[in-house]
Amino acid sequence: MRDIAHEVYEKMKVGSTAWIRPVAAKGDTIESFQIAHEQAKQLADEGLINIATVKRSAEGLIDSIRILKLA
């Protein structure tokens, strides 16, 4: 399984923000994307990012996460 949050984190510069979203071309679905929130929480617990916003679809599933790279 892809570590979507880490992939986005690696491409960012310190102090920048980015949205983490599922990419259909890479096989992501809203259902499989739910693990990205856990991955982002792990990065936040390590002090590498701050989770600014979590957006949910009408069904209550997470469909995007906005992060700020701290380190």
PDB file of N, CA and C in Angstrom:
ATOM      1  N   MET A   1       0.840  -1.181   0.000  1.00  0.00           N
ATOM      2  CA  MET A   1       0.000   0.000   0.000  1.00  0.00           C
ATOM      3  C   MET A   1       0.885   1.245   0.000  1.00  0.00           C
ATOM      4  N   ARG A   2       0.500   2.229  -0.804  1.00  0.00           N
ATOM      5  CA  ARG A   2       1.249   3.480  -0.886  1.00  0.00           C
ATOM      6  C   ARG A   2       1.105   4.285   0.399  1.00  0.00           C
ATOM      7  N   ASP A   3       2.195   4.891   0.804  1.00  0.00           N
ATOM      8  CA  ASP A   3       2.161   5.821   1.933  1.00  0.00           C
ATOM      9  C   ASP A   3       1.990   7.218   1.343  1.00  0.00           C
ATOM     10  N   ILE A   4       0.741   7.573   1.050  1.00  0.00           N
ATOM     11  CA  ILE A   4       0.421   8.818   0.354  1.00  0.00           C
ATOM     12  C   ILE A   4       0.919  10.032   1.128  1.00  0.00           C
ATOM     13  N   ALA A   5       0.702  10.039   2.435  1.00  0.00           N
ATOM     14  CA  ALA A   5       1.105  11.190   3.252  1.00  0.00           C
ATOM     15  C   ALA A   5       2.612  11.400   3.183  1.00  0.00           C
ATOM     16  N   HIS A   6       3.380  10.331   3.236  1.00  0.00           N
ATOM     17  CA  HIS A   6       4.835  10.448   3.196  1.00  0.00           C
ATOM     18  C   HIS A   6       5.301  10.904   1.818  1.00  0.00           C
ATOM     19  N   GLU A   7       4.652  10.427   0.757  1.00  0.00           N
ATOM     20  CA  GLU A   7       4.998  10.861  -0.593  1.00  0.00           C
ATOM     21  C   GLU A   7       4.826  12.375  -0.741  1.00  0.00           C
ATOM     22  N   VAL A   8       3.720  12.902  -0.250  1.00  0.00           N
ATOM     23  CA  VAL A   8       3.466  14.345  -0.327  1.00  0.00           C
ATOM     24  C   VAL A   8       4.475  15.089   0.547  1.00  0.00           C
ATOM     25  N   TYR A   9       4.721  14.582   1.749  1.00  0.00           N
ATOM     26  CA  TYR A   9       5.671  15.204   2.677  1.00  0.00           C
ATOM     27  C   TYR A   9       7.050  15.342   2.039  1.00  0.00           C
ATOM     28  N   GLU A  10       7.519  14.309   1.369  1.00  0.00           N
ATOM     29  CA  GLU A  10       8.853  14.308   0.764  1.00  0.00           C
ATOM     30  C   GLU A  10       8.991  15.378  -0.317  1.00  0.00           C
ATOM     31  N   LYS A  11       7.915  15.726  -1.002  1.00  0.00           N
ATOM     32  CA  LYS A  11       7.962  16.699  -2.097  1.00  0.00           C
ATOM     33  C   LYS A  11       7.846  18.143  -1.614  1.00  0.00           C
ATOM     34  N   MET A  12       7.514  18.326  -0.344  1.00  0.00           N
ATOM     35  CA  MET A  12       7.269  19.664   0.193  1.00  0.00           C
ATOM     36  C   MET A  12       8.545  20.313   0.719  1.00  0.00           C
ATOM     37  N   LYS A  13       8.528  21.665   0.778  1.00  0.00           N
ATOM     38  CA  LYS A  13       9.583  22.431   1.432  1.00  0.00           C
ATOM     39  C   LYS A  13       9.093  22.805   2.826  1.00  0.00           C
ATOM     40  N   VAL A  14      10.019  22.976   3.760  1.00  0.00           N
ATOM     41  CA  VAL A  14       9.672  23.364   5.126  1.00  0.00           C
ATOM     42  C   VAL A  14       8.910  24.685   5.090  1.00  0.00           C
ATOM     43  N   GLY A  15       7.789  24.736   5.803  1.00  0.00           N
ATOM     44  CA  GLY A  15       6.962  25.927   5.877  1.00  0.00           C
ATOM     45  C   GLY A  15       5.865  25.988   4.833  1.00  0.00           C
ATOM     46  N   SER A  16       5.868  25.048   3.896  1.00  0.00           N
ATOM     47  CA  SER A  16       4.835  25.073   2.859  1.00  0.00           C
ATOM     48  C   SER A  16       3.646  24.201   3.263  1.00  0.00           C
ATOM     49  N   THR A  17       2.527  24.438   2.586  1.00  0.00           N
ATOM     50  CA  THR A  17       1.335  23.639   2.826  1.00  0.00           C
ATOM     51  C   THR A  17       0.992  22.872   1.560  1.00  0.00           C
ATOM     52  N   ALA A  18       0.256  21.787   1.733  1.00  0.00           N
ATOM     53  CA  ALA A  18      -0.174  20.973   0.599  1.00  0.00           C
ATOM     54  C   ALA A  18      -1.444  20.225   0.967  1.00  0.00           C
ATOM     55  N   TRP A  19      -2.195  19.878  -0.063  1.00  0.00           N
ATOM     56  CA  TRP A  19      -3.372  19.033   0.111  1.00  0.00           C
ATOM     57  C   TRP A  19      -2.988  17.611  -0.229  1.00  0.00           C
ATOM     58  N   ILE A  20      -3.400  16.676   0.596  1.00  0.00           N
ATOM     59  CA  ILE A  20      -3.241  15.254   0.296  1.00  0.00           C
ATOM     60  C   ILE A  20      -4.604  14.786  -0.185  1.00  0.00           C
ATOM     61  N   ARG A  21      -4.639  14.247  -1.403  1.00  0.00           N
ATOM     62  CA  ARG A  21      -5.892  13.770  -1.990  1.00  0.00           C
ATOM     63  C   ARG A  21      -5.646  12.438  -2.679  1.00  0.00           C
ATOM     64  N   PRO A  22      -6.683  11.618  -2.816  1.00  0.00           N
ATOM     65  CA  PRO A  22      -6.511  10.368  -3.568  1.00  0.00           C
ATOM     66  C   PRO A  22      -6.289  10.664  -5.054  1.00  0.00           C
ATOM     67  N   VAL A  23      -5.449   9.858  -5.689  1.00  0.00           N
ATOM     68  CA  VAL A  23      -5.144  10.019  -7.111  1.00  0.00           C
ATOM     69  C   VAL A  23      -5.648   8.768  -7.831  1.00  0.00           C
ATOM     70  N   ALA A  24      -6.709   8.939  -8.593  1.00  0.00           N
ATOM     71  CA  ALA A  24      -7.325   7.797  -9.285  1.00  0.00           C
ATOM     72  C   ALA A  24      -6.344   7.123 -10.237  1.00  0.00           C
ATOM     73  N   ALA A  25      -5.467   7.887 -10.871  1.00  0.00           N
ATOM     74  CA  ALA A  25      -4.498   7.325 -11.811  1.00  0.00           C
ATOM     75  C   ALA A  25      -3.511   6.381 -11.122  1.00  0.00           C
ATOM     76  N   LYS A  26      -3.339   6.540  -9.822  1.00  0.00           N
ATOM     77  CA  LYS A  26      -2.442   5.663  -9.060  1.00  0.00           C
ATOM     78  C   LYS A  26      -3.216   4.575  -8.321  1.00  0.00           C
ATOM     79  N   GLY A  27      -4.519   4.468  -8.619  1.00  0.00           N
ATOM     80  CA  GLY A  27      -5.326   3.407  -8.032  1.00  0.00           C
ATOM     81  C   GLY A  27      -5.968   3.750  -6.698  1.00  0.00           C
ATOM     82  N   ASP A  28      -5.902   4.998  -6.280  1.00  0.00           N
ATOM     83  CA  ASP A  28      -6.495   5.400  -5.003  1.00  0.00           C
ATOM     84  C   ASP A  28      -8.011   5.532  -5.145  1.00  0.00           C
ATOM     85  N   THR A  29      -8.706   5.162  -4.109  1.00  0.00           N
ATOM     86  CA  THR A  29     -10.142   5.388  -4.007  1.00  0.00           C
ATOM     87  C   THR A  29     -10.391   6.102  -2.687  1.00  0.00           C
ATOM     88  N   ILE A  30     -11.575   6.662  -2.529  1.00  0.00           N
ATOM     89  CA  ILE A  30     -11.919   7.319  -1.264  1.00  0.00           C
ATOM     90  C   ILE A  30     -11.804   6.310  -0.121  1.00  0.00           C
ATOM     91  N   GLU A  31     -12.240   5.084  -0.348  1.00  0.00           N
ATOM     92  CA  GLU A  31     -12.185   4.057   0.700  1.00  0.00           C
ATOM     93  C   GLU A  31     -10.745   3.714   1.069  1.00  0.00           C
ATOM     94  N   SER A  32      -9.876   3.546   0.065  1.00  0.00           N
ATOM     95  CA  SER A  32      -8.480   3.204   0.367  1.00  0.00           C
ATOM     96  C   SER A  32      -7.710   4.398   0.909  1.00  0.00           C
ATOM     97  N   PHE A  33      -8.208   5.617   0.650  1.00  0.00           N
ATOM     98  CA  PHE A  33      -7.544   6.840   1.092  1.00  0.00           C
ATOM     99  C   PHE A  33      -7.663   7.055   2.596  1.00  0.00           C
ATOM    100  N   GLN A  34      -8.580   6.390   3.257  1.00  0.00           N
ATOM    101  CA  GLN A  34      -8.804   6.601   4.688  1.00  0.00           C
ATOM    102  C   GLN A  34      -7.546   6.337   5.511  1.00  0.00           C
ATOM    103  N   ILE A  35      -6.692   5.427   5.062  1.00  0.00           N
ATOM    104  CA  ILE A  35      -5.454   5.122   5.781  1.00  0.00           C
ATOM    105  C   ILE A  35      -4.487   6.312   5.733  1.00  0.00           C
ATOM    106  N   ALA A  36      -4.616   7.187   4.736  1.00  0.00           N
ATOM    107  CA  ALA A  36      -3.733   8.354   4.632  1.00  0.00           C
ATOM    108  C   ALA A  36      -3.879   9.261   5.853  1.00  0.00           C
ATOM    109  N   HIS A  37      -5.060   9.312   6.440  1.00  0.00           N
ATOM    110  CA  HIS A  37      -5.250  10.130   7.640  1.00  0.00           C
ATOM    111  C   HIS A  37      -4.420   9.566   8.793  1.00  0.00           C
ATOM    112  N   GLU A  38      -4.391   8.260   8.927  1.00  0.00           N
ATOM    113  CA  GLU A  38      -3.564   7.635   9.966  1.00  0.00           C
ATOM    114  C   GLU A  38      -2.085   7.894   9.700  1.00  0.00           C
ATOM    115  N   GLN A  39      -1.689   7.829   8.421  1.00  0.00           N
ATOM    116  CA  GLN A  39      -0.299   8.092   8.051  1.00  0.00           C
ATOM    117  C   GLN A  39       0.065   9.541   8.388  1.00  0.00           C
ATOM    118  N   ALA A  40      -0.838  10.466   8.103  1.00  0.00           N
ATOM    119  CA  ALA A  40      -0.596  11.876   8.410  1.00  0.00           C
ATOM    120  C   ALA A  40      -0.510  12.090   9.922  1.00  0.00           C
ATOM    121  N   LYS A  41      -1.358  11.410  10.679  1.00  0.00           N
ATOM    122  CA  LYS A  41      -1.300  11.525  12.148  1.00  0.00           C
ATOM    123  C   LYS A  41       0.049  11.069  12.680  1.00  0.00           C
ATOM    124  N   GLN A  42       0.612  10.009  12.087  1.00  0.00           N
ATOM    125  CA  GLN A  42       1.920   9.527  12.518  1.00  0.00           C
ATOM    126  C   GLN A  42       2.998  10.582  12.260  1.00  0.00           C
ATOM    127  N   LEU A  43       2.946  11.218  11.084  1.00  0.00           N
ATOM    128  CA  LEU A  43       3.906  12.285  10.786  1.00  0.00           C
ATOM    129  C   LEU A  43       3.723  13.458  11.746  1.00  0.00           C
ATOM    130  N   ALA A  44       2.482  13.770  12.088  1.00  0.00           N
ATOM    131  CA  ALA A  44       2.207  14.856  13.033  1.00  0.00           C
ATOM    132  C   ALA A  44       2.725  14.502  14.422  1.00  0.00           C
ATOM    133  N   ASP A  45       2.546  13.257  14.846  1.00  0.00           N
ATOM    134  CA  ASP A  45       3.039  12.815  16.149  1.00  0.00           C
ATOM    135  C   ASP A  45       4.562  12.903  16.238  1.00  0.00           C
ATOM    136  N   GLU A  46       5.238  12.731  15.093  1.00  0.00           N
ATOM    137  CA  GLU A  46       6.697  12.829  15.046  1.00  0.00           C
ATOM    138  C   GLU A  46       7.161  14.282  14.970  1.00  0.00           C
ATOM    139  N   GLY A  47       6.221  15.224  14.853  1.00  0.00           N
ATOM    140  CA  GLY A  47       6.554  16.630  14.796  1.00  0.00           C
ATOM    141  C   GLY A  47       7.019  17.102  13.428  1.00  0.00           C
ATOM    142  N   LEU A  48       6.732  16.328  12.389  1.00  0.00           N
ATOM    143  CA  LEU A  48       7.175  16.678  11.045  1.00  0.00           C
ATOM    144  C   LEU A  48       6.178  17.555  10.298  1.00  0.00           C
ATOM    145  N   ILE A  49       4.886  17.390  10.622  1.00  0.00           N
ATOM    146  CA  ILE A  49       3.839  18.166   9.964  1.00  0.00           C
ATOM    147  C   ILE A  49       2.805  18.606  10.986  1.00  0.00           C
ATOM    148  N   ASN A  50       1.967  19.539  10.553  1.00  0.00           N
ATOM    149  CA  ASN A  50       0.784  19.925  11.302  1.00  0.00           C
ATOM    150  C   ASN A  50      -0.402  19.675  10.380  1.00  0.00           C
ATOM    151  N   ILE A  51      -1.424  19.000  10.861  1.00  0.00           N
ATOM    152  CA  ILE A  51      -2.626  18.770  10.070  1.00  0.00           C
ATOM    153  C   ILE A  51      -3.524  19.983  10.261  1.00  0.00           C
ATOM    154  N   ALA A  52      -3.707  20.755   9.182  1.00  0.00           N
ATOM    155  CA  ALA A  52      -4.474  21.988   9.261  1.00  0.00           C
ATOM    156  C   ALA A  52      -5.961  21.746   9.070  1.00  0.00           C
ATOM    157  N   THR A  53      -6.328  20.933   8.088  1.00  0.00           N
ATOM    158  CA  THR A  53      -7.729  20.718   7.741  1.00  0.00           C
ATOM    159  C   THR A  53      -7.943  19.288   7.288  1.00  0.00           C
ATOM    160  N   VAL A  54      -9.062  18.715   7.684  1.00  0.00           N
ATOM    161  CA  VAL A  54      -9.489  17.418   7.183  1.00  0.00           C
ATOM    162  C   VAL A  54     -10.888  17.604   6.620  1.00  0.00           C
ATOM    163  N   LYS A  55     -11.036  17.379   5.313  1.00  0.00           N
ATOM    164  CA  LYS A  55     -12.346  17.530   4.668  1.00  0.00           C
ATOM    165  C   LYS A  55     -12.958  16.151   4.457  1.00  0.00           C
ATOM    166  N   ARG A  56     -14.256  16.076   4.690  1.00  0.00           N
ATOM    167  CA  ARG A  56     -14.978  14.817   4.555  1.00  0.00           C
ATOM    168  C   ARG A  56     -16.048  14.933   3.481  1.00  0.00           C
ATOM    169  N   SER A  57     -16.321  13.803   2.839  1.00  0.00           N
ATOM    170  CA  SER A  57     -17.389  13.750   1.841  1.00  0.00           C
ATOM    171  C   SER A  57     -18.732  13.681   2.559  1.00  0.00           C
ATOM    172  N   ALA A  58     -19.802  13.710   1.801  1.00  0.00           N
ATOM    173  CA  ALA A  58     -21.151  13.648   2.374  1.00  0.00           C
ATOM    174  C   ALA A  58     -21.377  12.347   3.140  1.00  0.00           C
ATOM    175  N   GLU A  59     -20.657  11.294   2.756  1.00  0.00           N
ATOM    176  CA  GLU A  59     -20.783  10.000   3.438  1.00  0.00           C
ATOM    177  C   GLU A  59     -19.957   9.927   4.711  1.00  0.00           C
ATOM    178  N   GLY A  60     -19.180  10.974   4.999  1.00  0.00           N
ATOM    179  CA  GLY A  60     -18.359  10.999   6.206  1.00  0.00           C
ATOM    180  C   GLY A  60     -16.947  10.476   6.010  1.00  0.00           C
ATOM    181  N   LEU A  61     -16.592  10.089   4.785  1.00  0.00           N
ATOM    182  CA  LEU A  61     -15.249   9.599   4.515  1.00  0.00           C
ATOM    183  C   LEU A  61     -14.319  10.772   4.225  1.00  0.00           C
ATOM    184  N   ILE A  62     -13.068  10.647   4.634  1.00  0.00           N
ATOM    185  CA  ILE A  62     -12.076  11.699   4.415  1.00  0.00           C
ATOM    186  C   ILE A  62     -11.722  11.723   2.931  1.00  0.00           C
ATOM    187  N   ASP A  63     -11.834  12.924   2.304  1.00  0.00           N
ATOM    188  CA  ASP A  63     -11.473  13.002   0.891  1.00  0.00           C
ATOM    189  C   ASP A  63     -10.310  13.937   0.616  1.00  0.00           C
ATOM    190  N   SER A  64      -9.850  14.693   1.624  1.00  0.00           N
ATOM    191  CA  SER A  64      -8.631  15.491   1.468  1.00  0.00           C
ATOM    192  C   SER A  64      -8.139  15.949   2.852  1.00  0.00           C
ATOM    193  N   ILE A  65      -6.824  16.149   2.907  1.00  0.00           N
ATOM    194  CA  ILE A  65      -6.165  16.563   4.152  1.00  0.00           C
ATOM    195  C   ILE A  65      -5.168  17.665   3.798  1.00  0.00           C
ATOM    196  N   ARG A  66      -5.233  18.776   4.499  1.00  0.00           N
ATOM    197  CA  ARG A  66      -4.273  19.874   4.274  1.00  0.00           C
ATOM    198  C   ARG A  66      -3.228  19.813   5.375  1.00  0.00           C
ATOM    199  N   ILE A  67      -1.955  19.811   4.974  1.00  0.00           N
ATOM    200  CA  ILE A  67      -0.863  19.705   5.937  1.00  0.00           C
ATOM    201  C   ILE A  67       0.122  20.859   5.778  1.00  0.00           C
ATOM    202  N   LEU A  68       0.860  21.145   6.852  1.00  0.00           N
ATOM    203  CA  LEU A  68       1.923  22.132   6.871  1.00  0.00           C
ATOM    204  C   LEU A  68       3.197  21.400   7.284  1.00  0.00           C
ATOM    205  N   LYS A  69       4.246  21.516   6.478  1.00  0.00           N
ATOM    206  CA  LYS A  69       5.516  20.840   6.789  1.00  0.00           C
ATOM    207  C   LYS A  69       6.297  21.672   7.793  1.00  0.00           C
ATOM    208  N   LEU A  70       6.614  21.082   8.930  1.00  0.00           N
ATOM    209  CA  LEU A  70       7.331  21.765  10.003  1.00  0.00           C
ATOM    210  C   LEU A  70       8.829  21.476   9.968  1.00  0.00           C
ATOM    211  N   ALA A  71       9.205  20.288   9.554  1.00  0.00           N
ATOM    212  CA  ALA A  71      10.628  19.899   9.534  1.00  0.00           C
ATOM    213  C   ALA A  71      10.947  19.067   8.332  1.00  0.00           C
TER     214      ALA A  71
END
